[in-house]
Amino acid sequence: MTDVCTVMTTCGSEETALTIAAALVDQAYAACVNIVPSIKSYYYFKGETHLDEEVMLIIKTTRELFPQVSEVITDLHTYEVPEILMFPIEEGSEPFLDWIRQSVNRLA
């Protein structure tokens, strides 16, 4: 297992997604944020089912920075209960993993 991880969240608008992505990369909490437009989410919340269009963010970072990533998402998100899921990276291209590490440490 590596120290690199991805974090996933969904947003209700592209504007919110771009705000979160910019904050994470600009503060060096993420090396890259993929913004995947126009996904449909069918879910249960507060006693009802909902079908909404959302934007998905796939965030490349390190496990060490997960608390900061989570805090930025929580602070900037418009949802009452934002999805914040961390997925460890078991293996990957070493040059790509190194790029992530270097990118998030560039302000250190």
C-alpha atoms as a PDB file:
ATOM      1  CA  MET A   1       0.000   0.000   0.000  1.00  0.00           C
ATOM      2  CA  THR A   2       1.148   3.524  -0.754  1.00  0.00           C
ATOM      3  CA  ASP A   3       0.704   6.803   1.088  1.00  0.00           C
ATOM      4  CA  VAL A   4      -1.307   8.119  -1.868  1.00  0.00           C
ATOM      5  CA  CYS A   5      -5.100   8.076  -1.884  1.00  0.00           C
ATOM      6  CA  THR A   6      -8.057   9.413  -3.778  1.00  0.00           C
ATOM      7  CA  VAL A   7     -10.950  11.210  -2.165  1.00  0.00           C
ATOM      8  CA  MET A   8     -14.362  11.357  -3.762  1.00  0.00           C
ATOM      9  CA  THR A   9     -17.162  13.840  -3.273  1.00  0.00           C
ATOM     10  CA  THR A  10     -20.178  14.973  -5.262  1.00  0.00           C
ATOM     11  CA  CYS A  11     -21.512  18.512  -5.615  1.00  0.00           C
ATOM     12  CA  GLY A  12     -24.819  19.962  -6.663  1.00  0.00           C
ATOM     13  CA  SER A  13     -23.267  22.418  -9.116  1.00  0.00           C
ATOM     14  CA  GLU A  14     -20.204  22.909 -11.275  1.00  0.00           C
ATOM     15  CA  GLU A  15     -19.581  26.207  -9.482  1.00  0.00           C
ATOM     16  CA  THR A  16     -19.248  24.452  -6.106  1.00  0.00           C
ATOM     17  CA  ALA A  17     -17.091  21.739  -7.681  1.00  0.00           C
ATOM     18  CA  LEU A  18     -14.722  24.314  -9.196  1.00  0.00           C
ATOM     19  CA  THR A  19     -14.516  26.248  -5.923  1.00  0.00           C
ATOM     20  CA  ILE A  20     -13.561  23.119  -3.973  1.00  0.00           C
ATOM     21  CA  ALA A  21     -11.123  21.905  -6.657  1.00  0.00           C
ATOM     22  CA  ALA A  22      -9.342  25.271  -6.829  1.00  0.00           C
ATOM     23  CA  ALA A  23      -9.045  25.538  -3.045  1.00  0.00           C
ATOM     24  CA  LEU A  24      -7.578  22.037  -2.737  1.00  0.00           C
ATOM     25  CA  VAL A  25      -5.000  22.438  -5.504  1.00  0.00           C
ATOM     26  CA  ASP A  26      -4.105  26.057  -4.705  1.00  0.00           C
ATOM     27  CA  GLN A  27      -3.474  25.177  -1.046  1.00  0.00           C
ATOM     28  CA  ALA A  28      -1.409  22.109  -2.097  1.00  0.00           C
ATOM     29  CA  TYR A  29      -3.796  19.690  -0.397  1.00  0.00           C
ATOM     30  CA  ALA A  30      -4.314  17.913  -3.728  1.00  0.00           C
ATOM     31  CA  ALA A  31      -2.158  17.383  -6.796  1.00  0.00           C
ATOM     32  CA  CYS A  32      -5.144  17.145  -9.119  1.00  0.00           C
ATOM     33  CA  VAL A  33      -8.925  17.155  -8.967  1.00  0.00           C
ATOM     34  CA  ASN A  34     -10.899  15.533 -11.767  1.00  0.00           C
ATOM     35  CA  ILE A  35     -14.268  17.177 -12.269  1.00  0.00           C
ATOM     36  CA  VAL A  36     -16.730  14.713 -13.775  1.00  0.00           C
ATOM     37  CA  PRO A  37     -19.841  16.558 -14.950  1.00  0.00           C
ATOM     38  CA  SER A  38     -23.417  15.432 -15.154  1.00  0.00           C
ATOM     39  CA  ILE A  39     -23.794  12.280 -13.105  1.00  0.00           C
ATOM     40  CA  LYS A  40     -27.182  11.219 -11.802  1.00  0.00           C
ATOM     41  CA  SER A  41     -27.575  10.231  -8.177  1.00  0.00           C
ATOM     42  CA  TYR A  42     -30.611   8.407  -6.857  1.00  0.00           C
ATOM     43  CA  TYR A  43     -30.574   8.399  -3.065  1.00  0.00           C
ATOM     44  CA  TYR A  44     -32.577   8.323   0.148  1.00  0.00           C
ATOM     45  CA  PHE A  45     -32.372  11.315   2.489  1.00  0.00           C
ATOM     46  CA  LYS A  46     -34.640  12.658   5.237  1.00  0.00           C
ATOM     47  CA  GLY A  47     -37.434  10.177   4.606  1.00  0.00           C
ATOM     48  CA  GLU A  48     -37.599  10.583   0.827  1.00  0.00           C
ATOM     49  CA  THR A  49     -35.964   9.331  -2.314  1.00  0.00           C
ATOM     50  CA  HIS A  50     -34.372  11.869  -4.655  1.00  0.00           C
ATOM     51  CA  LEU A  51     -32.950  11.914  -8.183  1.00  0.00           C
ATOM     52  CA  ASP A  52     -30.484  14.738  -8.754  1.00  0.00           C
ATOM     53  CA  GLU A  53     -27.851  15.689 -11.264  1.00  0.00           C
ATOM     54  CA  GLU A  54     -24.465  16.158  -9.632  1.00  0.00           C
ATOM     55  CA  VAL A  55     -20.813  16.791 -10.401  1.00  0.00           C
ATOM     56  CA  MET A  56     -18.252  14.298  -9.073  1.00  0.00           C
ATOM     57  CA  LEU A  57     -14.791  15.251  -7.819  1.00  0.00           C
ATOM     58  CA  ILE A  58     -11.962  12.710  -7.779  1.00  0.00           C
ATOM     59  CA  ILE A  59      -9.161  14.170  -5.671  1.00  0.00           C
ATOM     60  CA  LYS A  60      -5.551  12.906  -5.771  1.00  0.00           C
ATOM     61  CA  THR A  61      -3.741  13.459  -2.478  1.00  0.00           C
ATOM     62  CA  THR A  62      -1.971  11.641   0.359  1.00  0.00           C
ATOM     63  CA  ARG A  63      -3.391   9.962   3.454  1.00  0.00           C
ATOM     64  CA  GLU A  64      -1.584  12.506   5.631  1.00  0.00           C
ATOM     65  CA  LEU A  65      -3.565  15.345   4.023  1.00  0.00           C
ATOM     66  CA  PHE A  66      -6.997  13.684   4.269  1.00  0.00           C
ATOM     67  CA  PRO A  67      -8.017  15.774   7.332  1.00  0.00           C
ATOM     68  CA  GLN A  68      -7.259  19.022   5.475  1.00  0.00           C
ATOM     69  CA  VAL A  69      -9.015  17.822   2.317  1.00  0.00           C
ATOM     70  CA  SER A  70     -12.047  16.811   4.360  1.00  0.00           C
ATOM     71  CA  GLU A  71     -12.109  20.178   6.142  1.00  0.00           C
ATOM     72  CA  VAL A  72     -11.949  22.163   2.873  1.00  0.00           C
ATOM     73  CA  ILE A  73     -14.767  20.087   1.386  1.00  0.00           C
ATOM     74  CA  THR A  74     -16.899  20.516   4.515  1.00  0.00           C
ATOM     75  CA  ASP A  75     -16.261  24.277   4.689  1.00  0.00           C
ATOM     76  CA  LEU A  76     -17.015  24.988   1.015  1.00  0.00           C
ATOM     77  CA  HIS A  77     -19.730  22.433   0.315  1.00  0.00           C
ATOM     78  CA  THR A  78     -23.387  23.380   0.014  1.00  0.00           C
ATOM     79  CA  TYR A  79     -24.758  20.015   1.199  1.00  0.00           C
ATOM     80  CA  GLU A  80     -25.858  19.404   4.774  1.00  0.00           C
ATOM     81  CA  VAL A  81     -24.081  16.010   4.666  1.00  0.00           C
ATOM     82  CA  PRO A  82     -21.395  16.040   1.966  1.00  0.00           C
ATOM     83  CA  GLU A  83     -20.023  12.750   0.683  1.00  0.00           C
ATOM     84  CA  ILE A  84     -16.347  12.503   1.652  1.00  0.00           C
ATOM     85  CA  LEU A  85     -14.855   9.082   0.948  1.00  0.00           C
ATOM     86  CA  MET A  86     -11.161   8.193   0.975  1.00  0.00           C
ATOM     87  CA  PHE A  87      -9.839   5.288  -1.100  1.00  0.00           C
ATOM     88  CA  PRO A  88      -6.308   4.027  -0.472  1.00  0.00           C
ATOM     89  CA  ILE A  89      -4.139   3.346  -3.507  1.00  0.00           C
ATOM     90  CA  GLU A  90      -2.644  -0.117  -3.276  1.00  0.00           C
ATOM     91  CA  GLU A  91      -0.272   0.246  -6.222  1.00  0.00           C
ATOM     92  CA  GLY A  92       0.283   2.667  -9.061  1.00  0.00           C
ATOM     93  CA  SER A  93       2.733   4.029 -11.568  1.00  0.00           C
ATOM     94  CA  GLU A  94       5.654   5.180  -9.423  1.00  0.00           C
ATOM     95  CA  PRO A  95       6.307   8.325 -11.511  1.00  0.00           C
ATOM     96  CA  PHE A  96       2.627   9.304 -11.124  1.00  0.00           C
ATOM     97  CA  LEU A  97       2.609   8.604  -7.374  1.00  0.00           C
ATOM     98  CA  ASP A  98       5.817  10.639  -7.002  1.00  0.00           C
ATOM     99  CA  TRP A  99       4.204  13.522  -8.907  1.00  0.00           C
ATOM    100  CA  ILE A 100       1.289  13.520  -6.448  1.00  0.00           C
ATOM    101  CA  ARG A 101       3.678  13.525  -3.480  1.00  0.00           C
ATOM    102  CA  GLN A 102       5.782  16.346  -4.926  1.00  0.00           C
ATOM    103  CA  SER A 103       2.726  18.411  -5.840  1.00  0.00           C
ATOM    104  CA  VAL A 104       1.183  18.307  -2.375  1.00  0.00           C
ATOM    105  CA  ASN A 105       4.538  19.085  -0.751  1.00  0.00           C
ATOM    106  CA  ARG A 106       5.404  22.034  -3.002  1.00  0.00           C
ATOM    107  CA  LEU A 107       4.548  24.649  -0.349  1.00  0.00           C
ATOM    108  CA  ALA A 108       6.278  22.857   2.520  1.00  0.00           C
END
